[in-house]
């Protein structure tokens, strides 16, 4: 899932695999220019599927996501990594 495909026609925001592919591709392209600490995946608002896709892509080690509170408009930045331990 590396590199950007042509998304000239947009992305179906209810197609989780396509969203993950698009977000991961965009992240990869941005990471060629910017350090990981300068790239944030915003999971605020939108469809639930887009939020889940953005959060899932951000779980790779070193990736960050942000959420803007709808209550007080405060921005929270998270660095969450998921690792599957197979004991």
PDB file of N, CA and C in Angstrom:
ATOM      1  N   UNK A   1       0.818  -1.190   0.000  1.00  0.00           N
ATOM      2  CA  UNK A   1       0.000   0.000   0.000  1.00  0.00           C
ATOM      3  C   UNK A   1       0.862   1.254   0.000  1.00  0.00           C
ATOM      4  N   UNK A   2       1.901   1.293  -0.721  1.00  0.00           N
ATOM      5  CA  UNK A   2       2.766   2.459  -0.714  1.00  0.00           C
ATOM      6  C   UNK A   2       2.537   3.293  -1.965  1.00  0.00           C
ATOM      7  N   UNK A   3       2.804   4.597  -1.809  1.00  0.00           N
ATOM      8  CA  UNK A   3       2.661   5.509  -2.928  1.00  0.00           C
ATOM      9  C   UNK A   3       1.211   5.875  -3.163  1.00  0.00           C
ATOM     10  N   UNK A   4       1.011   6.929  -3.917  1.00  0.00           N
ATOM     11  CA  UNK A   4      -0.344   7.408  -4.160  1.00  0.00           C
ATOM     12  C   UNK A   4      -0.893   6.879  -5.474  1.00  0.00           C
ATOM     13  N   UNK A   5      -2.116   6.403  -5.418  1.00  0.00           N
ATOM     14  CA  UNK A   5      -2.860   6.079  -6.620  1.00  0.00           C
ATOM     15  C   UNK A   5      -3.532   7.362  -7.068  1.00  0.00           C
ATOM     16  N   UNK A   6      -4.163   7.308  -8.197  1.00  0.00           N
ATOM     17  CA  UNK A   6      -4.883   8.470  -8.682  1.00  0.00           C
ATOM     18  C   UNK A   6      -6.267   8.503  -8.044  1.00  0.00           C
ATOM     19  N   UNK A   7      -6.471   9.446  -7.160  1.00  0.00           N
ATOM     20  CA  UNK A   7      -7.758   9.595  -6.487  1.00  0.00           C
ATOM     21  C   UNK A   7      -8.492  10.827  -7.015  1.00  0.00           C
ATOM     22  N   UNK A   8      -8.304  11.099  -8.306  1.00  0.00           N
ATOM     23  CA  UNK A   8      -8.914  12.268  -8.934  1.00  0.00           C
ATOM     24  C   UNK A   8     -10.433  12.292  -8.763  1.00  0.00           C
ATOM     25  N   UNK A   9     -11.049  11.139  -8.724  1.00  0.00           N
ATOM     26  CA  UNK A   9     -12.504  11.059  -8.570  1.00  0.00           C
ATOM     27  C   UNK A   9     -12.931  11.022  -7.107  1.00  0.00           C
ATOM     28  N   UNK A  10     -11.973  11.155  -6.204  1.00  0.00           N
ATOM     29  CA  UNK A  10     -12.285  11.119  -4.786  1.00  0.00           C
ATOM     30  C   UNK A  10     -12.233   9.716  -4.232  1.00  0.00           C
ATOM     31  N   UNK A  11     -12.653   9.585  -2.991  1.00  0.00           N
ATOM     32  CA  UNK A  11     -12.627   8.309  -2.293  1.00  0.00           C
ATOM     33  C   UNK A  11     -13.991   8.083  -1.645  1.00  0.00           C
ATOM     34  N   UNK A  12     -14.483   6.873  -1.725  1.00  0.00           N
ATOM     35  CA  UNK A  12     -15.742   6.517  -1.069  1.00  0.00           C
ATOM     36  C   UNK A  12     -15.477   6.447   0.429  1.00  0.00           C
ATOM     37  N   UNK A  13     -16.058   7.382   1.178  1.00  0.00           N
ATOM     38  CA  UNK A  13     -15.815   7.452   2.609  1.00  0.00           C
ATOM     39  C   UNK A  13     -16.485   6.334   3.399  1.00  0.00           C
ATOM     40  N   UNK A  14     -17.158   5.430   2.732  1.00  0.00           N
ATOM     41  CA  UNK A  14     -17.751   4.289   3.424  1.00  0.00           C
ATOM     42  C   UNK A  14     -17.078   2.981   3.029  1.00  0.00           C
ATOM     43  N   UNK A  15     -15.935   3.087   2.369  1.00  0.00           N
ATOM     44  CA  UNK A  15     -15.169   1.910   1.948  1.00  0.00           C
ATOM     45  C   UNK A  15     -13.865   1.893   2.750  1.00  0.00           C
ATOM     46  N   UNK A  16     -13.885   1.200   3.874  1.00  0.00           N
ATOM     47  CA  UNK A  16     -12.750   1.221   4.804  1.00  0.00           C
ATOM     48  C   UNK A  16     -11.428   0.809   4.149  1.00  0.00           C
ATOM     49  N   UNK A  17     -11.380  -0.295   3.374  1.00  0.00           N
ATOM     50  CA  UNK A  17     -10.088  -0.671   2.780  1.00  0.00           C
ATOM     51  C   UNK A  17      -9.523   0.403   1.840  1.00  0.00           C
ATOM     52  N   UNK A  18     -10.381   1.047   1.069  1.00  0.00           N
ATOM     53  CA  UNK A  18      -9.924   2.113   0.171  1.00  0.00           C
ATOM     54  C   UNK A  18      -9.438   3.313   0.976  1.00  0.00           C
ATOM     55  N   UNK A  19     -10.163   3.663   2.034  1.00  0.00           N
ATOM     56  CA  UNK A  19      -9.748   4.782   2.890  1.00  0.00           C
ATOM     57  C   UNK A  19      -8.394   4.520   3.533  1.00  0.00           C
ATOM     58  N   UNK A  20      -8.209   3.320   4.057  1.00  0.00           N
ATOM     59  CA  UNK A  20      -6.925   2.972   4.681  1.00  0.00           C
ATOM     60  C   UNK A  20      -5.817   3.071   3.641  1.00  0.00           C
ATOM     61  N   UNK A  21      -6.067   2.562   2.447  1.00  0.00           N
ATOM     62  CA  UNK A  21      -5.077   2.622   1.374  1.00  0.00           C
ATOM     63  C   UNK A  21      -4.738   4.072   1.015  1.00  0.00           C
ATOM     64  N   UNK A  22      -5.759   4.916   0.899  1.00  0.00           N
ATOM     65  CA  UNK A  22      -5.550   6.320   0.534  1.00  0.00           C
ATOM     66  C   UNK A  22      -4.804   7.078   1.633  1.00  0.00           C
ATOM     67  N   UNK A  23      -5.204   6.887   2.878  1.00  0.00           N
ATOM     68  CA  UNK A  23      -4.559   7.589   3.996  1.00  0.00           C
ATOM     69  C   UNK A  23      -3.121   7.122   4.156  1.00  0.00           C
ATOM     70  N   UNK A  24      -2.900   5.811   4.063  1.00  0.00           N
ATOM     71  CA  UNK A  24      -1.548   5.273   4.184  1.00  0.00           C
ATOM     72  C   UNK A  24      -0.682   5.768   3.030  1.00  0.00           C
ATOM     73  N   UNK A  25      -1.238   5.815   1.831  1.00  0.00           N
ATOM     74  CA  UNK A  25      -0.499   6.317   0.670  1.00  0.00           C
ATOM     75  C   UNK A  25      -0.123   7.780   0.834  1.00  0.00           C
ATOM     76  N   UNK A  26      -1.081   8.577   1.309  1.00  0.00           N
ATOM     77  CA  UNK A  26      -0.801   9.997   1.542  1.00  0.00           C
ATOM     78  C   UNK A  26       0.270  10.158   2.611  1.00  0.00           C
ATOM     79  N   UNK A  27       0.169   9.357   3.676  1.00  0.00           N
ATOM     80  CA  UNK A  27       1.173   9.418   4.742  1.00  0.00           C
ATOM     81  C   UNK A  27       2.556   9.084   4.179  1.00  0.00           C
ATOM     82  N   UNK A  28       2.614   8.038   3.387  1.00  0.00           N
ATOM     83  CA  UNK A  28       3.894   7.629   2.797  1.00  0.00           C
ATOM     84  C   UNK A  28       4.482   8.759   1.948  1.00  0.00           C
ATOM     85  N   UNK A  29       3.663   9.370   1.110  1.00  0.00           N
ATOM     86  CA  UNK A  29       4.139  10.468   0.261  1.00  0.00           C
ATOM     87  C   UNK A  29       4.627  11.643   1.113  1.00  0.00           C
ATOM     88  N   UNK A  30       3.865  12.005   2.128  1.00  0.00           N
ATOM     89  CA  UNK A  30       4.269  13.108   3.000  1.00  0.00           C
ATOM     90  C   UNK A  30       5.561  12.790   3.745  1.00  0.00           C
ATOM     91  N   UNK A  31       5.738  11.516   4.112  1.00  0.00           N
ATOM     92  CA  UNK A  31       6.936  11.134   4.867  1.00  0.00           C
ATOM     93  C   UNK A  31       8.207  11.217   4.020  1.00  0.00           C
ATOM     94  N   UNK A  32       8.053  11.346   2.704  1.00  0.00           N
ATOM     95  CA  UNK A  32       9.215  11.541   1.838  1.00  0.00           C
ATOM     96  C   UNK A  32       9.720  12.983   1.937  1.00  0.00           C
ATOM     97  N   UNK A  33       8.862  13.870   2.450  1.00  0.00           N
ATOM     98  CA  UNK A  33       9.182  15.300   2.518  1.00  0.00           C
ATOM     99  C   UNK A  33       9.359  15.772   3.964  1.00  0.00           C
ATOM    100  N   UNK A  34       8.513  15.251   4.865  1.00  0.00           N
ATOM    101  CA  UNK A  34       8.476  15.728   6.246  1.00  0.00           C
ATOM    102  C   UNK A  34       8.840  14.615   7.228  1.00  0.00           C
ATOM    103  N   UNK A  35       9.369  15.014   8.373  1.00  0.00           N
ATOM    104  CA  UNK A  35       9.627  14.060   9.456  1.00  0.00           C
ATOM    105  C   UNK A  35       8.289  13.591  10.020  1.00  0.00           C
ATOM    106  N   UNK A  36       8.252  12.376  10.531  1.00  0.00           N
ATOM    107  CA  UNK A  36       7.006  11.793  11.053  1.00  0.00           C
ATOM    108  C   UNK A  36       6.362  12.684  12.114  1.00  0.00           C
ATOM    109  N   UNK A  37       7.162  13.347  12.932  1.00  0.00           N
ATOM    110  CA  UNK A  37       6.605  14.184  13.999  1.00  0.00           C
ATOM    111  C   UNK A  37       5.879  15.417  13.459  1.00  0.00           C
ATOM    112  N   UNK A  38       6.036  15.706  12.162  1.00  0.00           N
ATOM    113  CA  UNK A  38       5.360  16.852  11.548  1.00  0.00           C
ATOM    114  C   UNK A  38       4.108  16.443  10.776  1.00  0.00           C
ATOM    115  N   UNK A  39       3.777  15.162  10.770  1.00  0.00           N
ATOM    116  CA  UNK A  39       2.607  14.673  10.048  1.00  0.00           C
ATOM    117  C   UNK A  39       1.569  14.203  11.062  1.00  0.00           C
ATOM    118  N   UNK A  40       0.371  14.741  10.982  1.00  0.00           N
ATOM    119  CA  UNK A  40      -0.723  14.339  11.865  1.00  0.00           C
ATOM    120  C   UNK A  40      -1.888  13.842  11.031  1.00  0.00           C
ATOM    121  N   UNK A  41      -2.496  12.768  11.470  1.00  0.00           N
ATOM    122  CA  UNK A  41      -3.732  12.284  10.863  1.00  0.00           C
ATOM    123  C   UNK A  41      -4.855  12.788  11.746  1.00  0.00           C
ATOM    124  N   UNK A  42      -5.733  13.609  11.191  1.00  0.00           N
ATOM    125  CA  UNK A  42      -6.815  14.201  11.975  1.00  0.00           C
ATOM    126  C   UNK A  42      -8.027  13.280  11.927  1.00  0.00           C
ATOM    127  N   UNK A  43      -8.479  12.839  13.095  1.00  0.00           N
ATOM    128  CA  UNK A  43      -9.623  11.919  13.174  1.00  0.00           C
ATOM    129  C   UNK A  43     -10.868  12.612  13.718  1.00  0.00           C
ATOM    130  N   UNK A  44     -10.889  13.942  13.640  1.00  0.00           N
ATOM    131  CA  UNK A  44     -12.022  14.712  14.135  1.00  0.00           C
ATOM    132  C   UNK A  44     -13.180  14.671  13.136  1.00  0.00           C
ATOM    133  N   UNK A  45     -14.371  14.467  13.635  1.00  0.00           N
ATOM    134  CA  UNK A  45     -15.575  14.575  12.805  1.00  0.00           C
ATOM    135  C   UNK A  45     -15.625  13.596  11.647  1.00  0.00           C
ATOM    136  N   UNK A  46     -16.516  13.884  10.730  1.00  0.00           N
ATOM    137  CA  UNK A  46     -16.658  13.031   9.556  1.00  0.00           C
ATOM    138  C   UNK A  46     -17.413  11.759   9.867  1.00  0.00           C
ATOM    139  N   UNK A  47     -17.413  10.864   8.897  1.00  0.00           N
ATOM    140  CA  UNK A  47     -18.057   9.565   9.069  1.00  0.00           C
ATOM    141  C   UNK A  47     -17.266   8.720  10.058  1.00  0.00           C
ATOM    142  N   UNK A  48     -17.938   7.847  10.749  1.00  0.00           N
ATOM    143  CA  UNK A  48     -17.252   6.959  11.699  1.00  0.00           C
ATOM    144  C   UNK A  48     -16.194   6.117  11.001  1.00  0.00           C
ATOM    145  N   UNK A  49     -16.503   5.664   9.787  1.00  0.00           N
ATOM    146  CA  UNK A  49     -15.552   4.821   9.058  1.00  0.00           C
ATOM    147  C   UNK A  49     -14.267   5.589   8.754  1.00  0.00           C
ATOM    148  N   UNK A  50     -14.375   6.862   8.398  1.00  0.00           N
ATOM    149  CA  UNK A  50     -13.159   7.639   8.121  1.00  0.00           C
ATOM    150  C   UNK A  50     -12.333   7.834   9.385  1.00  0.00           C
ATOM    151  N   UNK A  51     -13.005   8.020  10.509  1.00  0.00           N
ATOM    152  CA  UNK A  51     -12.305   8.170  11.784  1.00  0.00           C
ATOM    153  C   UNK A  51     -11.563   6.883  12.141  1.00  0.00           C
ATOM    154  N   UNK A  52     -12.231   5.757  11.992  1.00  0.00           N
ATOM    155  CA  UNK A  52     -11.606   4.470  12.300  1.00  0.00           C
ATOM    156  C   UNK A  52     -10.439   4.207  11.355  1.00  0.00           C
ATOM    157  N   UNK A  53     -10.610   4.484  10.072  1.00  0.00           N
ATOM    158  CA  UNK A  53      -9.531   4.265   9.097  1.00  0.00           C
ATOM    159  C   UNK A  53      -8.326   5.137   9.435  1.00  0.00           C
ATOM    160  N   UNK A  54      -8.574   6.410   9.745  1.00  0.00           N
ATOM    161  CA  UNK A  54      -7.466   7.305  10.107  1.00  0.00           C
ATOM    162  C   UNK A  54      -6.759   6.850  11.361  1.00  0.00           C
ATOM    163  N   UNK A  55      -7.530   6.440  12.360  1.00  0.00           N
ATOM    164  CA  UNK A  55      -6.931   5.964  13.609  1.00  0.00           C
ATOM    165  C   UNK A  55      -6.141   4.679  13.367  1.00  0.00           C
ATOM    166  N   UNK A  56      -6.676   3.774  12.551  1.00  0.00           N
ATOM    167  CA  UNK A  56      -5.990   2.509  12.276  1.00  0.00           C
ATOM    168  C   UNK A  56      -4.643   2.755  11.595  1.00  0.00           C
ATOM    169  N   UNK A  57      -4.618   3.639  10.616  1.00  0.00           N
ATOM    170  CA  UNK A  57      -3.363   3.940   9.919  1.00  0.00           C
ATOM    171  C   UNK A  57      -2.362   4.581  10.871  1.00  0.00           C
ATOM    172  N   UNK A  58      -2.847   5.370  11.808  1.00  0.00           N
ATOM    173  CA  UNK A  58      -1.944   6.068  12.729  1.00  0.00           C
ATOM    174  C   UNK A  58      -1.364   5.156  13.798  1.00  0.00           C
ATOM    175  N   UNK A  59      -1.830   3.916  13.892  1.00  0.00           N
ATOM    176  CA  UNK A  59      -1.309   3.000  14.914  1.00  0.00           C
ATOM    177  C   UNK A  59       0.081   2.451  14.591  1.00  0.00           C
ATOM    178  N   UNK A  60       0.553   2.667  13.363  1.00  0.00           N
ATOM    179  CA  UNK A  60       1.916   2.242  13.036  1.00  0.00           C
ATOM    180  C   UNK A  60       2.886   3.029  13.908  1.00  0.00           C
ATOM    181  N   UNK A  61       3.948   2.397  14.334  1.00  0.00           N
ATOM    182  CA  UNK A  61       4.890   3.019  15.253  1.00  0.00           C
ATOM    183  C   UNK A  61       5.439   4.336  14.706  1.00  0.00           C
ATOM    184  N   UNK A  62       5.411   5.369  15.546  1.00  0.00           N
ATOM    185  CA  UNK A  62       5.949   6.670  15.179  1.00  0.00           C
ATOM    186  C   UNK A  62       4.960   7.612  14.526  1.00  0.00           C
ATOM    187  N   UNK A  63       3.731   7.150  14.252  1.00  0.00           N
ATOM    188  CA  UNK A  63       2.729   8.006  13.627  1.00  0.00           C
ATOM    189  C   UNK A  63       1.846   8.644  14.692  1.00  0.00           C
ATOM    190  N   UNK A  64       1.387   9.850  14.397  1.00  0.00           N
ATOM    191  CA  UNK A  64       0.578  10.610  15.341  1.00  0.00           C
ATOM    192  C   UNK A  64      -0.805  10.876  14.759  1.00  0.00           C
ATOM    193  N   UNK A  65      -1.798  10.983  15.666  1.00  0.00           N
ATOM    194  CA  UNK A  65      -3.092  11.478  15.218  1.00  0.00           C
ATOM    195  C   UNK A  65      -3.577  12.543  16.166  1.00  0.00           C
ATOM    196  N   UNK A  66      -4.452  13.393  15.643  1.00  0.00           N
ATOM    197  CA  UNK A  66      -4.994  14.466  16.466  1.00  0.00           C
ATOM    198  C   UNK A  66      -6.506  14.427  16.442  1.00  0.00           C
ATOM    199  N   UNK A  67      -7.068  14.958  17.515  1.00  0.00           N
ATOM    200  CA  UNK A  67      -8.520  15.075  17.651  1.00  0.00           C
ATOM    201  C   UNK A  67      -8.814  16.446  18.248  1.00  0.00           C
ATOM    202  N   UNK A  68      -9.750  17.160  17.630  1.00  0.00           N
ATOM    203  CA  UNK A  68     -10.165  18.453  18.151  1.00  0.00           C
ATOM    204  C   UNK A  68     -11.487  18.250  18.890  1.00  0.00           C
ATOM    205  N   UNK A  69     -11.495  18.569  20.174  1.00  0.00           N
ATOM    206  CA  UNK A  69     -12.687  18.380  20.999  1.00  0.00           C
ATOM    207  C   UNK A  69     -13.833  19.226  20.470  1.00  0.00           C
ATOM    208  N   UNK A  70     -14.995  18.610  20.363  1.00  0.00           N
ATOM    209  CA  UNK A  70     -16.176  19.357  19.941  1.00  0.00           C
ATOM    210  C   UNK A  70     -16.753  20.158  21.104  1.00  0.00           C
ATOM    211  N   UNK A  71     -16.285  19.901  22.325  1.00  0.00           N
ATOM    212  CA  UNK A  71     -16.771  20.632  23.497  1.00  0.00           C
ATOM    213  C   UNK A  71     -16.009  21.926  23.733  1.00  0.00           C
ATOM    214  N   UNK A  72     -14.678  21.824  23.830  1.00  0.00           N
ATOM    215  CA  UNK A  72     -13.899  23.014  24.167  1.00  0.00           C
ATOM    216  C   UNK A  72     -12.900  23.429  23.088  1.00  0.00           C
ATOM    217  N   UNK A  73     -12.935  22.747  21.947  1.00  0.00           N
ATOM    218  CA  UNK A  73     -12.068  23.062  20.790  1.00  0.00           C
ATOM    219  C   UNK A  73     -10.579  22.865  21.060  1.00  0.00           C
ATOM    220  N   UNK A  74     -10.246  22.170  22.131  1.00  0.00           N
ATOM    221  CA  UNK A  74      -8.848  21.870  22.436  1.00  0.00           C
ATOM    222  C   UNK A  74      -8.353  20.757  21.507  1.00  0.00           C
ATOM    223  N   UNK A  75      -7.108  20.884  21.081  1.00  0.00           N
ATOM    224  CA  UNK A  75      -6.500  19.888  20.207  1.00  0.00           C
ATOM    225  C   UNK A  75      -5.703  18.909  21.061  1.00  0.00           C
ATOM    226  N   UNK A  76      -5.962  17.627  20.859  1.00  0.00           N
ATOM    227  CA  UNK A  76      -5.211  16.582  21.554  1.00  0.00           C
ATOM    228  C   UNK A  76      -4.436  15.784  20.507  1.00  0.00           C
ATOM    229  N   UNK A  77      -3.166  15.556  20.761  1.00  0.00           N
ATOM    230  CA  UNK A  77      -2.324  14.784  19.856  1.00  0.00           C
ATOM    231  C   UNK A  77      -1.932  13.494  20.567  1.00  0.00           C
ATOM    232  N   UNK A  78      -2.097  12.378  19.852  1.00  0.00           N
ATOM    233  CA  UNK A  78      -1.850  11.062  20.432  1.00  0.00           C
ATOM    234  C   UNK A  78      -0.765  10.319  19.659  1.00  0.00           C
ATOM    235  N   UNK A  79       0.053   9.602  20.392  1.00  0.00           N
ATOM    236  CA  UNK A  79       1.050   8.714  19.814  1.00  0.00           C
ATOM    237  C   UNK A  79       0.763   7.328  20.386  1.00  0.00           C
ATOM    238  N   UNK A  80      -0.087   6.595  19.707  1.00  0.00           N
ATOM    239  CA  UNK A  80      -0.515   5.283  20.172  1.00  0.00           C
ATOM    240  C   UNK A  80       0.010   4.237  19.200  1.00  0.00           C
ATOM    241  N   UNK A  81       0.666   3.221  19.713  1.00  0.00           N
ATOM    242  CA  UNK A  81       1.174   2.136  18.874  1.00  0.00           C
ATOM    243  C   UNK A  81       0.533   0.844  19.305  1.00  0.00           C
ATOM    244  N   UNK A  82       0.093   0.077  18.337  1.00  0.00           N
ATOM    245  CA  UNK A  82      -0.501  -1.218  18.625  1.00  0.00           C
ATOM    246  C   UNK A  82       0.482  -2.297  18.232  1.00  0.00           C
ATOM    247  N   UNK A  83       0.765  -3.176  19.185  1.00  0.00           N
ATOM    248  CA  UNK A  83       1.624  -4.317  18.909  1.00  0.00           C
ATOM    249  C   UNK A  83       0.911  -5.566  19.338  1.00  0.00           C
ATOM    250  N   UNK A  84       0.916  -6.546  18.509  1.00  0.00           N
ATOM    251  CA  UNK A  84       0.287  -7.829  18.823  1.00  0.00           C
ATOM    252  C   UNK A  84       1.351  -8.757  19.385  1.00  0.00           C
ATOM    253  N   UNK A  85       1.260  -9.015  20.691  1.00  0.00           N
ATOM    254  CA  UNK A  85       2.190  -9.941  21.318  1.00  0.00           C
ATOM    255  C   UNK A  85       1.662 -11.354  21.155  1.00  0.00           C
ATOM    256  N   UNK A  86       2.467 -12.208  20.604  1.00  0.00           N
ATOM    257  CA  UNK A  86       2.058 -13.595  20.404  1.00  0.00           C
ATOM    258  C   UNK A  86       2.871 -14.487  21.322  1.00  0.00           C
ATOM    259  N   UNK A  87       2.380 -14.637  22.527  1.00  0.00           N
ATOM    260  CA  UNK A  87       3.070 -15.482  23.521  1.00  0.00           C
ATOM    261  C   UNK A  87       2.641 -16.903  23.380  1.00  0.00           C
TER     262      UNK A  87
END
